[in-house]
Amino acid sequence: MPKEKVRCINCNKKVHLYGIKCKCDKIFCYSCLDIIKHGCTYNYKIENQYLLKKRETIQHIKVDKI
């Protein structure tokens, strides 16, 4: 059974060890990884809003004096 060849989705280049997986679950070569270039479907705005809300809740924890 032959091994499956991993290729970039955009340019169809072979990317064995240096293939980069985007957050949209597709594999790209380094030159095609740009979000605008490959039309990424992952919503970074919602992820960043979630992270900001998470940081705000951590900062508002009251610390008791010793």
N, C-alpha and C. Protein backbone atom coordinates (compact mmCIF):
# COMPACT_ATOMS: atom_id res chain seq x y z
N MET A 1 0.84 -1.18 0.00
CA MET A 1 0.00 0.00 0.00
C MET A 1 0.89 1.24 0.00
N PRO A 2 0.84 2.08 -1.06
CA PRO A 2 1.70 3.26 -1.13
C PRO A 2 1.25 4.34 -0.16
N LYS A 3 2.24 5.14 0.29
CA LYS A 3 1.93 6.24 1.20
C LYS A 3 1.23 7.36 0.44
N GLU A 4 0.33 8.03 1.13
CA GLU A 4 -0.39 9.14 0.51
C GLU A 4 0.54 10.35 0.43
N LYS A 5 0.62 10.97 -0.74
CA LYS A 5 1.47 12.14 -0.92
C LYS A 5 0.73 13.38 -0.44
N VAL A 6 1.38 14.12 0.43
CA VAL A 6 0.78 15.34 0.97
C VAL A 6 1.14 16.49 0.06
N ARG A 7 0.12 17.21 -0.40
CA ARG A 7 0.33 18.32 -1.33
C ARG A 7 -0.38 19.57 -0.86
N CYS A 8 0.13 20.71 -1.30
CA CYS A 8 -0.49 22.00 -1.01
C CYS A 8 -1.82 22.08 -1.77
N ILE A 9 -2.83 22.63 -1.13
CA ILE A 9 -4.16 22.73 -1.73
C ILE A 9 -4.16 23.73 -2.90
N ASN A 10 -3.41 24.83 -2.77
CA ASN A 10 -3.42 25.87 -3.81
C ASN A 10 -2.56 25.54 -5.02
N CYS A 11 -1.28 25.27 -4.78
CA CYS A 11 -0.34 25.13 -5.91
C CYS A 11 0.02 23.68 -6.23
N ASN A 12 -0.48 22.72 -5.45
CA ASN A 12 -0.27 21.30 -5.69
C ASN A 12 1.19 20.87 -5.56
N LYS A 13 1.99 21.63 -4.80
CA LYS A 13 3.38 21.28 -4.54
C LYS A 13 3.44 20.17 -3.49
N LYS A 14 4.44 19.32 -3.57
CA LYS A 14 4.63 18.29 -2.55
C LYS A 14 5.15 18.96 -1.28
N VAL A 15 4.51 18.68 -0.18
CA VAL A 15 4.93 19.25 1.11
C VAL A 15 4.99 18.12 2.14
N HIS A 16 6.09 17.39 2.15
CA HIS A 16 6.22 16.24 3.04
C HIS A 16 6.37 16.68 4.49
N LEU A 17 7.50 17.24 4.84
CA LEU A 17 7.78 17.61 6.22
C LEU A 17 7.45 19.06 6.53
N TYR A 18 7.46 19.92 5.53
CA TYR A 18 7.30 21.34 5.80
C TYR A 18 5.90 21.85 5.47
N GLY A 19 4.96 20.98 5.30
CA GLY A 19 3.57 21.40 5.08
C GLY A 19 3.00 22.00 6.34
N ILE A 20 2.31 23.11 6.21
CA ILE A 20 1.75 23.82 7.36
C ILE A 20 0.24 23.69 7.32
N LYS A 21 -0.34 23.27 8.45
CA LYS A 21 -1.79 23.10 8.53
C LYS A 21 -2.40 24.39 9.06
N CYS A 22 -3.31 24.95 8.30
CA CYS A 22 -4.01 26.18 8.69
C CYS A 22 -5.14 25.81 9.65
N LYS A 23 -5.72 26.81 10.29
CA LYS A 23 -6.84 26.57 11.21
C LYS A 23 -8.10 26.14 10.47
N CYS A 24 -8.13 26.30 9.16
CA CYS A 24 -9.28 25.83 8.38
C CYS A 24 -9.10 24.36 7.98
N ASP A 25 -8.12 23.66 8.58
CA ASP A 25 -7.85 22.24 8.39
C ASP A 25 -7.42 21.87 6.97
N LYS A 26 -6.68 22.73 6.32
CA LYS A 26 -6.12 22.44 5.01
C LYS A 26 -4.61 22.59 5.11
N ILE A 27 -3.86 21.86 4.28
CA ILE A 27 -2.41 21.89 4.32
C ILE A 27 -1.90 22.76 3.16
N PHE A 28 -0.93 23.65 3.48
CA PHE A 28 -0.39 24.58 2.50
C PHE A 28 1.13 24.59 2.57
N CYS A 29 1.76 25.01 1.47
CA CYS A 29 3.19 25.27 1.50
C CYS A 29 3.38 26.66 2.10
N TYR A 30 4.62 27.03 2.38
CA TYR A 30 4.88 28.28 3.07
C TYR A 30 4.42 29.50 2.25
N SER A 31 4.57 29.45 0.94
CA SER A 31 4.21 30.60 0.10
C SER A 31 2.70 30.77 -0.05
N CYS A 32 1.91 29.73 0.13
CA CYS A 32 0.46 29.81 -0.02
C CYS A 32 -0.28 29.96 1.30
N LEU A 33 0.43 30.05 2.42
CA LEU A 33 -0.21 30.06 3.73
C LEU A 33 -0.94 31.37 4.03
N ASP A 34 -0.65 32.45 3.31
CA ASP A 34 -1.29 33.74 3.57
C ASP A 34 -2.82 33.58 3.56
N ILE A 35 -3.46 34.13 4.59
CA ILE A 35 -4.91 33.96 4.78
C ILE A 35 -5.71 34.50 3.60
N ILE A 36 -5.33 35.64 3.09
CA ILE A 36 -6.05 36.25 1.98
C ILE A 36 -5.81 35.46 0.69
N LYS A 37 -4.60 34.94 0.53
CA LYS A 37 -4.24 34.23 -0.70
C LYS A 37 -5.04 32.94 -0.87
N HIS A 38 -5.27 32.20 0.22
CA HIS A 38 -5.99 30.93 0.07
C HIS A 38 -7.46 31.03 0.48
N GLY A 39 -7.94 32.21 0.82
CA GLY A 39 -9.36 32.37 1.12
C GLY A 39 -9.79 31.56 2.33
N CYS A 40 -9.13 31.78 3.44
CA CYS A 40 -9.38 31.00 4.66
C CYS A 40 -10.81 31.19 5.14
N THR A 41 -11.44 30.08 5.54
CA THR A 41 -12.82 30.13 6.00
C THR A 41 -12.91 30.20 7.52
N TYR A 42 -11.78 30.13 8.22
CA TYR A 42 -11.78 30.17 9.68
C TYR A 42 -12.06 31.60 10.13
N ASN A 43 -12.89 31.77 11.15
CA ASN A 43 -13.27 33.09 11.63
C ASN A 43 -12.35 33.49 12.79
N TYR A 44 -11.30 34.27 12.48
CA TYR A 44 -10.34 34.70 13.48
C TYR A 44 -10.92 35.76 14.40
N LYS A 45 -11.88 36.53 13.92
CA LYS A 45 -12.48 37.61 14.71
C LYS A 45 -13.19 37.05 15.94
N ILE A 46 -13.97 36.00 15.77
CA ILE A 46 -14.69 35.40 16.90
C ILE A 46 -13.70 34.78 17.89
N GLU A 47 -12.65 34.14 17.39
CA GLU A 47 -11.66 33.55 18.27
C GLU A 47 -10.97 34.62 19.12
N ASN A 48 -10.59 35.74 18.50
CA ASN A 48 -9.92 36.80 19.23
C ASN A 48 -10.84 37.46 20.25
N GLN A 49 -12.12 37.61 19.93
CA GLN A 49 -13.07 38.16 20.89
C GLN A 49 -13.19 37.24 22.10
N TYR A 50 -13.23 35.95 21.87
CA TYR A 50 -13.30 34.98 22.97
C TYR A 50 -12.06 35.08 23.87
N LEU A 51 -10.87 35.19 23.25
CA LEU A 51 -9.64 35.29 24.03
C LEU A 51 -9.60 36.57 24.86
N LEU A 52 -10.09 37.67 24.30
CA LEU A 52 -10.12 38.93 25.05
C LEU A 52 -11.06 38.84 26.25
N LYS A 53 -12.22 38.23 26.07
CA LYS A 53 -13.16 38.06 27.18
C LYS A 53 -12.56 37.17 28.26
N LYS A 54 -11.84 36.16 27.86
CA LYS A 54 -11.21 35.25 28.80
C LYS A 54 -10.15 35.98 29.62
N ARG A 55 -9.37 36.85 29.00
CA ARG A 55 -8.34 37.62 29.70
C ARG A 55 -8.96 38.59 30.69
N GLU A 56 -10.08 39.21 30.31
CA GLU A 56 -10.74 40.16 31.20
C GLU A 56 -11.21 39.48 32.49
N THR A 57 -11.74 38.28 32.39
CA THR A 57 -12.23 37.60 33.59
C THR A 57 -11.08 37.19 34.50
N ILE A 58 -9.94 36.88 33.93
CA ILE A 58 -8.78 36.51 34.74
C ILE A 58 -8.23 37.72 35.49
N GLN A 59 -8.24 38.90 34.91
CA GLN A 59 -7.68 40.09 35.54
C GLN A 59 -8.54 40.62 36.67
N HIS A 60 -9.80 40.30 36.73
CA HIS A 60 -10.69 40.84 37.73
C HIS A 60 -10.79 39.99 39.00
N ILE A 61 -9.91 39.04 39.16
CA ILE A 61 -9.91 38.20 40.36
C ILE A 61 -9.31 39.01 41.51
N LYS A 62 -9.99 39.08 42.61
CA LYS A 62 -9.52 39.85 43.75
C LYS A 62 -8.46 39.06 44.51
N VAL A 63 -7.39 39.74 44.91
CA VAL A 63 -6.31 39.12 45.64
C VAL A 63 -6.42 39.55 47.10
N ASP A 64 -6.41 38.58 48.01
CA ASP A 64 -6.47 38.88 49.44
C ASP A 64 -5.12 39.39 49.94
N LYS A 65 -5.19 40.36 50.86
CA LYS A 65 -3.96 40.86 51.47
C LYS A 65 -3.45 39.89 52.51
N ILE A 66 -2.15 39.83 52.63
CA ILE A 66 -1.55 38.93 53.63
C ILE A 66 -1.39 39.63 54.95
